[in-house]
Protein backbone atom coordinates (compact mmCIF):
# COMPACT_ATOMS: atom_id res chain seq x y z
CA MET A 1 81.14 114.95 117.14
CA SER A 2 77.45 114.76 115.90
CA VAL A 3 78.44 116.81 113.09
CA PHE A 4 75.93 114.68 111.32
CA SER A 5 73.46 113.79 113.32
CA GLY A 6 70.10 113.18 111.54
CA LYS A 7 72.00 112.25 108.36
CA ARG A 8 70.79 109.10 106.67
CA TYR A 9 73.89 107.61 103.88
CA ALA A 10 74.28 104.45 102.94
CA VAL A 11 78.08 103.19 101.84
CA VAL A 12 77.76 100.67 98.69
CA GLY A 13 81.70 99.10 98.36
CA LEU A 14 83.12 97.92 102.07
CA GLY A 15 87.25 97.71 100.67
CA ARG A 16 89.79 99.90 102.21
CA ALA A 17 87.39 103.01 102.25
CA GLY A 18 84.20 101.89 102.11
CA LEU A 19 84.20 100.40 105.76
CA PRO A 20 85.92 103.49 108.02
CA ALA A 21 83.82 105.76 106.41
CA ALA A 22 81.13 103.84 107.73
CA ALA A 23 83.32 103.36 110.89
CA ARG A 24 83.77 107.55 111.20
CA LEU A 25 79.52 108.36 109.59
CA ARG A 26 78.25 106.33 112.76
CA GLU A 27 81.12 108.03 115.43
CA LEU A 28 79.78 111.13 113.78
CA GLY A 29 76.04 110.85 114.64
CA ALA A 30 74.89 109.48 111.35
CA GLU A 31 72.61 106.44 110.60
CA VAL A 32 74.09 104.20 108.58
CA PHE A 33 73.24 101.60 106.37
CA VAL A 34 76.18 99.42 104.13
CA TRP A 35 76.42 96.79 101.29
CA ASP A 36 78.44 95.03 99.27
CA ASP A 37 78.00 92.58 96.74
CA ASN A 38 80.65 90.41 97.97
CA ALA A 39 79.35 87.99 100.98
CA ALA A 40 82.04 87.65 103.08
CA SER A 41 82.30 91.97 103.20
CA ARG A 42 78.99 92.28 103.78
CA GLU A 43 79.59 89.45 106.90
CA ALA A 44 82.69 91.65 108.00
CA ALA A 45 80.51 94.93 108.41
CA ALA A 46 79.21 93.27 111.85
CA GLY A 47 77.75 95.85 113.65
CA PHE A 48 76.54 97.91 110.94
CA THR A 49 73.33 97.51 109.21
CA VAL A 50 73.42 95.72 106.13
CA LYS A 51 70.79 96.35 103.53
CA LEU A 52 70.33 97.73 99.96
CA PRO A 53 70.11 101.15 100.01
CA SER A 54 66.96 100.57 97.16
CA GLU A 55 65.45 98.88 100.57
CA VAL A 56 66.06 100.96 103.42
CA GLU A 57 62.56 102.48 104.09
CA GLY A 58 62.47 106.68 104.33
CA ARG A 59 65.38 109.34 102.32
CA LEU A 60 69.06 109.22 102.27
CA ASP A 61 71.35 111.96 101.92
CA ALA A 62 73.74 110.62 99.80
CA LEU A 63 74.97 107.25 98.48
CA VAL A 64 78.56 106.93 99.64
CA LEU A 65 79.72 104.44 96.74
CA SER A 66 83.33 103.06 96.30
CA PRO A 67 85.40 104.56 94.23
CA GLY A 68 86.31 101.62 92.15
CA ILE A 69 82.61 101.01 91.72
CA PRO A 70 80.73 102.67 88.41
CA HIS A 71 77.53 105.22 88.69
CA LYS A 72 78.30 106.16 84.95
CA LEU A 73 79.79 104.25 82.58
CA PRO A 74 80.80 101.63 81.16
CA LYS A 75 77.48 100.51 83.05
CA PRO A 76 76.25 101.81 86.44
CA HIS A 77 75.89 99.80 89.58
CA PRO A 78 71.85 99.11 90.45
CA GLU A 79 72.27 100.78 93.02
CA ALA A 80 74.34 104.13 91.99
CA ALA A 81 71.87 103.80 89.00
CA TRP A 82 68.80 104.02 91.89
CA ALA A 83 70.38 106.53 93.85
CA GLN A 84 70.22 108.79 91.36
CA ALA A 85 66.61 108.05 89.43
CA HIS A 86 65.77 108.86 93.17
CA GLY A 87 67.89 112.61 93.63
CA VAL A 88 69.96 110.80 95.90
CA GLN A 89 73.65 112.22 95.56
CA VAL A 90 76.55 110.04 94.68
CA LEU A 91 79.74 111.34 97.16
CA THR A 92 82.91 110.60 97.80
CA ASP A 93 84.35 109.98 101.18
CA ALA A 94 86.92 113.05 100.19
CA GLU A 95 84.02 114.89 99.93
CA LEU A 96 82.31 114.31 103.56
CA LEU A 97 85.94 114.89 104.71
CA TYR A 98 85.29 118.80 103.50
CA GLN A 99 82.13 118.48 105.21
CA VAL A 100 83.81 117.34 108.81
CA VAL A 101 86.25 119.47 109.01
CA ARG A 102 84.34 122.56 108.17
CA GLY A 103 80.85 121.59 110.26
CA LEU A 104 83.54 121.37 113.19
CA GLY A 105 84.71 124.42 112.91
CA SER A 106 88.45 123.83 111.19
CA LYS A 107 89.57 126.39 109.05
CA ALA A 108 92.67 123.91 108.00
CA ARG A 109 93.56 123.66 103.92
CA PHE A 110 93.06 121.62 101.32
CA ALA A 111 95.68 120.43 98.79
CA GLY A 112 94.53 117.76 96.14
CA VAL A 113 96.84 116.41 93.58
CA THR A 114 95.85 114.49 90.39
CA GLY A 115 97.19 113.16 87.29
CA THR A 116 97.37 110.38 84.97
CA ASN A 117 100.70 109.45 86.86
CA GLY A 118 102.71 110.83 89.69
CA LYS A 119 99.87 111.76 91.71
CA SER A 120 100.92 109.13 94.59
CA THR A 121 104.76 109.90 94.94
CA THR A 122 104.10 114.35 94.99
CA THR A 123 101.28 113.63 97.60
CA ALA A 124 103.79 111.88 99.80
CA LEU A 125 106.69 114.33 98.88
CA LEU A 126 104.30 117.29 99.70
CA ALA A 127 103.17 116.01 102.80
CA HIS A 128 107.35 115.00 103.77
CA ILE A 129 107.95 118.39 103.26
CA LEU A 130 105.16 119.94 105.13
CA THR A 131 106.13 117.75 108.07
CA VAL A 132 109.90 119.26 107.54
CA ALA A 133 108.30 122.91 107.67
CA GLY A 134 106.32 122.28 110.65
CA VAL A 135 102.89 122.31 109.40
CA PRO A 136 100.10 119.70 111.09
CA ASN A 137 99.06 117.75 107.54
CA ALA A 138 97.62 114.74 106.77
CA ALA A 139 98.21 112.37 103.71
CA GLY A 140 95.46 110.31 102.40
CA ALA A 141 92.75 109.31 100.02
CA ASN A 142 94.14 107.21 97.07
CA LEU A 143 96.72 107.28 98.67
CA GLY A 144 96.93 105.82 102.54
CA PRO A 145 94.59 106.02 104.98
CA ALA A 146 90.71 106.48 103.24
CA ALA A 147 89.83 110.34 104.06
CA LEU A 148 87.29 110.04 105.68
CA SER A 149 89.49 108.30 108.41
CA LEU A 150 91.78 111.22 108.43
CA PRO A 151 92.04 113.30 112.05
CA VAL A 152 90.66 116.23 112.21
CA LEU A 153 93.64 119.33 111.79
CA PRO A 154 93.72 122.73 113.52
CA ASP A 155 93.15 126.23 111.43
CA SER A 156 97.28 125.91 110.51
CA GLY A 157 97.12 122.42 108.58
CA VAL A 158 96.93 120.36 105.72
CA TYR A 159 95.26 118.20 104.35
CA VAL A 160 96.79 116.41 101.38
CA LEU A 161 94.89 114.27 99.73
CA GLU A 162 95.90 112.21 96.23
CA MET A 163 92.45 112.33 93.98
CA SER A 164 91.58 110.22 91.46
CA SER A 165 89.31 110.69 88.42
CA TYR A 166 86.89 108.19 90.02
CA MET A 167 87.20 110.23 92.81
CA LEU A 168 86.54 113.64 91.53
CA GLU A 169 83.78 113.37 89.61
CA ARG A 170 81.79 112.37 92.90
CA ILE A 171 82.92 115.75 94.67
CA ASP A 172 79.75 118.49 95.16
CA ALA A 173 81.56 121.01 97.67
CA LEU A 174 85.16 120.55 97.67
CA ARG A 175 87.41 123.09 97.69
CA PHE A 176 90.97 122.91 97.04
CA ASP A 177 92.61 126.32 98.65
CA VAL A 178 95.76 124.30 96.34
CA ALA A 179 95.64 121.70 93.47
CA ALA A 180 97.83 120.52 90.71
CA MET A 181 97.29 118.26 87.70
CA LEU A 182 100.46 116.44 86.48
CA ASN A 183 99.30 115.01 83.73
CA LEU A 184 97.38 113.26 81.22
CA SER A 185 97.32 110.90 78.85
CA PRO A 186 94.54 107.72 77.91
CA ASP A 187 93.40 105.98 81.21
CA HIS A 188 90.33 105.02 82.47
CA ILE A 189 88.26 105.52 79.09
CA ASP A 190 85.76 102.89 80.04
CA ARG A 191 84.75 104.99 83.04
CA HIS A 192 84.59 108.19 81.38
CA GLY A 193 83.94 107.69 77.43
CA ASP A 194 86.43 109.49 75.68
CA MET A 195 89.30 111.66 76.50
CA ALA A 196 87.80 114.28 76.98
CA GLY A 197 85.33 112.58 79.59
CA TYR A 198 89.25 111.55 81.76
CA ALA A 199 90.39 115.15 81.27
CA ALA A 200 86.73 116.79 82.46
CA ALA A 201 86.62 114.52 85.71
CA LYS A 202 90.17 115.46 86.29
CA ARG A 203 89.53 119.43 85.72
CA GLN A 204 87.03 118.88 88.63
CA ILE A 205 90.15 119.26 91.45
CA PHE A 206 89.79 122.90 90.28
CA ALA A 207 86.42 123.48 90.58
CA ARG A 208 84.85 126.06 93.19
CA GLN A 209 88.23 127.85 93.17
CA ASP A 210 88.67 131.61 93.68
CA ALA A 211 91.15 134.42 93.46
CA ALA A 212 92.12 133.12 96.68
CA CYS A 213 93.48 130.10 95.49
CA THR A 214 96.62 128.54 93.12
CA ALA A 215 96.41 125.94 90.86
CA VAL A 216 98.91 123.93 89.40
CA ILE A 217 99.45 122.42 86.41
CA GLY A 218 101.97 120.39 84.44
CA VAL A 219 102.99 121.33 80.66
CA ASP A 220 104.61 118.26 79.78
CA ASP A 221 102.03 117.11 77.40
CA ALA A 222 99.65 118.32 75.22
CA PRO A 223 96.17 117.82 76.98
CA SER A 224 97.81 119.23 79.85
CA ARG A 225 98.71 122.18 77.88
CA GLU A 226 95.32 122.36 76.97
CA MET A 227 93.84 122.23 80.17
CA ALA A 228 96.61 125.05 81.08
CA VAL A 229 94.83 127.46 78.36
CA TRP A 230 91.81 127.28 79.78
CA LEU A 231 92.87 127.25 83.74
CA HIS A 232 94.11 130.87 82.47
CA THR A 233 90.37 131.96 82.54
CA ARG A 234 89.78 131.19 85.71
CA PRO A 235 90.06 133.07 88.77
CA ALA A 236 92.97 130.92 90.13
CA ARG A 237 96.38 131.96 89.91
CA VAL A 238 97.87 129.71 87.29
CA VAL A 239 101.72 128.26 88.00
CA GLU A 240 102.67 126.10 85.08
CA ILE A 241 105.48 123.55 85.87
CA SER A 242 107.39 120.75 83.32
CA GLY A 243 110.11 118.11 83.97
CA VAL A 244 111.99 118.63 81.39
CA GLY A 245 115.69 118.64 81.06
CA ALA A 246 115.26 119.26 84.99
CA ALA A 247 116.54 116.59 87.75
CA THR A 248 115.78 116.69 91.34
CA GLY A 249 119.69 115.54 92.53
CA ALA A 250 117.77 113.36 95.38
CA LYS A 251 117.97 109.78 95.38
CA ALA A 252 114.40 108.86 95.77
CA LEU A 253 113.17 111.02 92.73
CA PRO A 254 115.44 110.07 89.39
CA GLY A 255 114.19 111.08 86.06
CA GLU A 256 112.47 113.94 84.44
CA HIS A 257 108.72 112.55 85.43
CA ASN A 258 109.70 113.15 89.22
CA ALA A 259 111.31 116.51 88.74
CA GLN A 260 107.73 117.35 87.60
CA ASN A 261 106.50 115.69 90.34
CA ALA A 262 109.27 117.60 93.07
CA ALA A 263 108.49 121.15 91.01
CA ALA A 264 104.53 120.54 91.41
CA ALA A 265 104.93 120.03 95.54
CA ALA A 266 107.78 122.36 95.29
CA ALA A 267 104.90 124.84 94.00
CA LEU A 268 102.26 123.34 95.90
CA ALA A 269 104.30 124.18 99.21
CA ARG A 270 104.78 127.80 98.57
CA ALA A 271 101.46 128.68 98.05
CA LEU A 272 100.62 127.48 101.26
CA GLY A 273 103.92 129.64 102.91
CA VAL A 274 106.35 127.01 103.09
CA ASP A 275 110.24 128.63 102.51
CA GLU A 276 112.38 127.55 99.83
CA GLY A 277 114.70 126.13 103.06
CA ALA A 278 112.38 123.19 103.94
CA ILE A 279 111.03 122.64 100.52
CA ALA A 280 114.81 121.75 98.92
CA GLN A 281 115.57 119.71 102.79
CA GLY A 282 112.36 118.32 102.41
CA ILE A 283 113.19 117.14 98.66
CA ALA A 284 116.37 115.90 99.18
CA SER A 285 115.24 113.76 102.38
CA PHE A 286 112.09 111.98 101.03
CA PRO A 287 112.14 108.29 101.07
CA GLY A 288 110.53 107.93 97.78
CA LEU A 289 107.43 105.93 97.89
CA ALA A 290 107.29 101.56 97.81
CA HIS A 291 106.86 100.05 94.06
CA ARG A 292 107.64 103.32 92.11
CA ALA A 293 110.60 102.72 90.61
CA GLN A 294 112.34 101.31 94.37
CA GLU A 295 115.62 99.50 94.40
CA VAL A 296 114.44 96.13 97.24
CA ALA A 297 117.84 93.91 96.20
CA VAL A 298 121.68 93.79 94.55
CA ARG A 299 122.11 90.65 93.60
CA GLY A 300 125.58 89.68 92.23
CA GLY A 301 125.78 93.38 91.58
CA VAL A 302 122.28 93.17 89.36
CA ARG A 303 119.94 95.70 91.08
CA PHE A 304 115.73 95.38 91.31
CA ILE A 305 113.94 97.40 90.80
CA ASN A 306 110.38 97.40 91.53
CA ASP A 307 107.80 99.72 89.13
CA SER A 308 105.03 97.67 90.14
CA LYS A 309 102.52 100.75 89.94
CA ALA A 310 103.54 100.98 86.69
CA THR A 311 100.23 99.98 84.97
CA ASN A 312 100.03 101.45 82.06
CA ALA A 313 102.47 102.39 79.63
CA ASP A 314 102.98 105.85 79.99
CA ALA A 315 103.90 105.48 83.76
CA ALA A 316 106.24 102.56 82.68
CA SER A 317 108.08 105.04 80.74
CA ARG A 318 108.89 106.74 83.43
CA ALA A 319 111.29 104.50 85.03
CA MET A 320 112.34 103.36 82.10
CA GLY A 321 113.85 106.45 80.78
CA CYS A 322 116.07 106.35 84.18
CA TYR A 323 117.85 103.39 82.98
CA GLY A 324 120.89 103.00 79.97
CA LYS A 325 119.92 99.32 79.56
CA PHE A 326 118.01 96.98 81.35
CA VAL A 327 116.38 93.90 81.61
CA TRP A 328 112.70 94.39 81.66
CA ILE A 329 109.89 92.11 83.29
CA ALA A 330 106.66 93.56 82.03
CA GLY A 331 102.59 92.13 81.54
CA GLY A 332 98.89 91.37 82.50
CA VAL A 333 96.30 92.93 81.62
CA ALA A 334 97.21 95.90 79.50
CA LYS A 335 95.80 98.17 78.50
CA ALA A 336 94.27 100.23 75.63
CA GLY A 337 97.30 100.80 72.79
CA GLY A 338 99.23 97.99 74.77
CA ILE A 339 103.05 98.98 75.24
CA ASP A 340 103.12 101.23 71.51
CA ASP A 341 103.82 103.87 72.92
CA LEU A 342 107.24 102.69 74.42
CA VAL A 343 108.40 102.06 71.11
CA PRO A 344 111.12 104.34 71.24
CA LEU A 345 112.19 102.75 74.56
CA PHE A 346 113.32 99.77 73.33
CA PRO A 347 116.58 99.60 72.34
CA ARG A 348 117.53 100.63 76.12
CA ILE A 349 115.68 96.37 76.40
CA GLU A 350 118.70 93.69 76.80
CA LYS A 351 115.70 91.26 76.67
CA ALA A 352 112.09 90.84 78.35
CA PHE A 353 110.56 88.64 80.33
CA LEU A 354 106.87 88.74 80.04
CA ILE A 355 104.12 87.59 82.16
CA GLY A 356 100.42 87.64 83.13
CA GLN A 357 97.50 88.07 80.16
CA ASP A 358 98.60 90.15 77.75
CA GLY A 359 102.49 88.99 78.18
CA ALA A 360 101.80 87.02 74.66
CA ALA A 361 100.77 90.90 72.83
CA PHE A 362 103.40 92.28 74.34
CA ALA A 363 105.69 89.65 73.59
CA ARG A 364 104.20 90.45 69.78
CA THR A 365 105.14 93.93 69.62
CA LEU A 366 108.47 93.59 71.04
CA SER A 367 109.42 90.87 68.52
CA ALA A 368 108.48 93.13 65.54
CA HIS A 369 110.71 95.45 67.19
CA GLY A 370 113.91 93.34 66.85
CA VAL A 371 113.66 93.03 70.95
CA ALA A 372 114.75 90.05 72.63
CA ASN A 373 112.17 88.25 74.80
CA GLU A 374 110.31 85.38 76.14
CA VAL A 375 106.46 84.29 77.58
CA VAL A 376 107.43 82.97 80.77
CA GLY A 377 104.00 83.89 82.12
CA THR A 378 104.92 84.67 86.08
CA LEU A 379 106.84 86.06 88.31
CA GLU A 380 108.35 83.19 90.01
CA ALA A 381 109.50 82.32 86.28
CA ALA A 382 110.60 85.75 85.31
CA VAL A 383 113.16 86.65 88.22
CA PRO A 384 115.28 84.51 88.34
CA ALA A 385 114.79 84.36 84.44
CA ALA A 386 115.78 87.58 84.19
CA PHE A 387 118.99 87.94 87.00
CA ALA A 388 120.73 85.59 83.85
CA ALA A 389 119.76 87.70 81.52
CA ALA A 390 120.89 91.01 82.95
CA ARG A 391 124.65 91.85 81.68
CA SER A 392 124.10 95.50 82.15
CA GLY A 393 123.42 94.99 86.08
CA VAL A 394 119.76 96.34 85.90
CA VAL A 395 116.21 94.23 85.98
CA LEU A 396 113.24 96.66 85.62
CA PHE A 397 109.91 95.36 86.70
CA SER A 398 107.48 98.04 85.38
CA PRO A 399 104.83 96.33 84.05
CA ALA A 400 103.17 98.56 82.22
CA ALA A 401 99.60 96.34 82.60
CA ALA A 402 97.65 96.21 85.88
CA SER A 403 97.95 93.72 88.08
CA PHE A 404 94.12 92.22 88.29
CA ASP A 405 94.67 88.54 86.05
CA GLN A 406 97.62 87.23 88.93
CA PHE A 407 96.75 90.01 91.87
CA PRO A 408 94.50 91.73 93.78
CA ASN A 409 96.42 95.04 93.08
CA PHE A 410 100.39 96.80 92.71
CA GLU A 411 101.05 96.44 95.66
CA VAL A 412 100.50 92.59 96.38
CA ARG A 413 102.17 91.81 93.07
CA GLY A 414 105.50 95.00 93.72
CA GLU A 415 105.38 92.46 96.85
CA ARG A 416 106.02 89.43 95.23
CA PHE A 417 109.14 90.73 93.08
CA ALA A 418 110.86 92.05 96.13
CA ALA A 419 110.50 88.57 97.99
CA LEU A 420 111.46 86.73 94.82
CA ALA A 421 114.62 89.28 94.11
CA ARG A 422 115.71 89.39 97.50
CA GLY A 423 115.17 85.60 97.77
CA ILE A 424 117.90 84.91 94.84
CA ALA A 425 121.18 83.25 96.29
């Protein structure tokens, strides 16, 4: 395969997506230059030409920039600034996957899923439904494998891509045959300037859709309803979905938020031609995702729920709403607004144990509303203390904060919680 023969790409950021993207580009005939600001990551790129894009002689066709590295706000990476000043496109590897698939003649369809919360569950659920229905599929991008490492599917296949706002602002030709935007609440404002900028990035999942396409939009929050109004002026068929007052009946999909996720996955599957029987079977048999309201242990009648993926208050509210009473473990690097939006759920909290950088700030908010709490600093201290306090029978680890103060990512954080819970005698 030489779909990129004669093309020259620079890849900056050699993490989970960057290095696989560089390898695939080279495999497809491109000349590839790689760079990472971390020396150890550069050393891991054995066999590649390690060079700053700005130091590459001759033209570059594009800069493939890791989603976590800014090219606009709050301050562009120097190499991204150089690329834009010299007319070099800044792309995400999902865009290049689309170019590969079309370049190799495959008519496989693309399904995109975005939203502030629920996009990983919806992506995995749609892929599961397609598998139950016997439809060839590959899922990845922001969830799971890097987009460019996914296999080339036949014409009957479907790519199911979880798309973050960081990725959506770097697509060019990629068109989603079916696309869903689940919900919008303030997140990543530093990268997008304000809520309007964040919404504009999310809206890109519907870019280039035509009358043959389907746009699925959640209508359970005001910003999403505003986007729905805009969508109805566009050519794609619009399907509005809601989780309010609904339930799936599936053990792995509790709560109204998962009812919305299931409604979105079902709408996408229908648009892809999947019959109702396969959709129902897929929802019922879905095993769930790690770190998302996942029961990881039962000790002494106490259920330990790992919801480490809840990196903001809105995400935490989804799991908190599933339990009448619980002991709460929370904290880390708070997003703007902290846990103020969770006040309506505070009566459900028996006691909170706070960890991480902003644990003390969370404690002040809780104390101001009369919620018993204790700043314990670490998961190692929080888990046994929560177990001892859990009269309700539920310990919920839903941090409402990012993990980067104490853990490299939410996955490692959740695995540590699970290990500690399982280790309780």
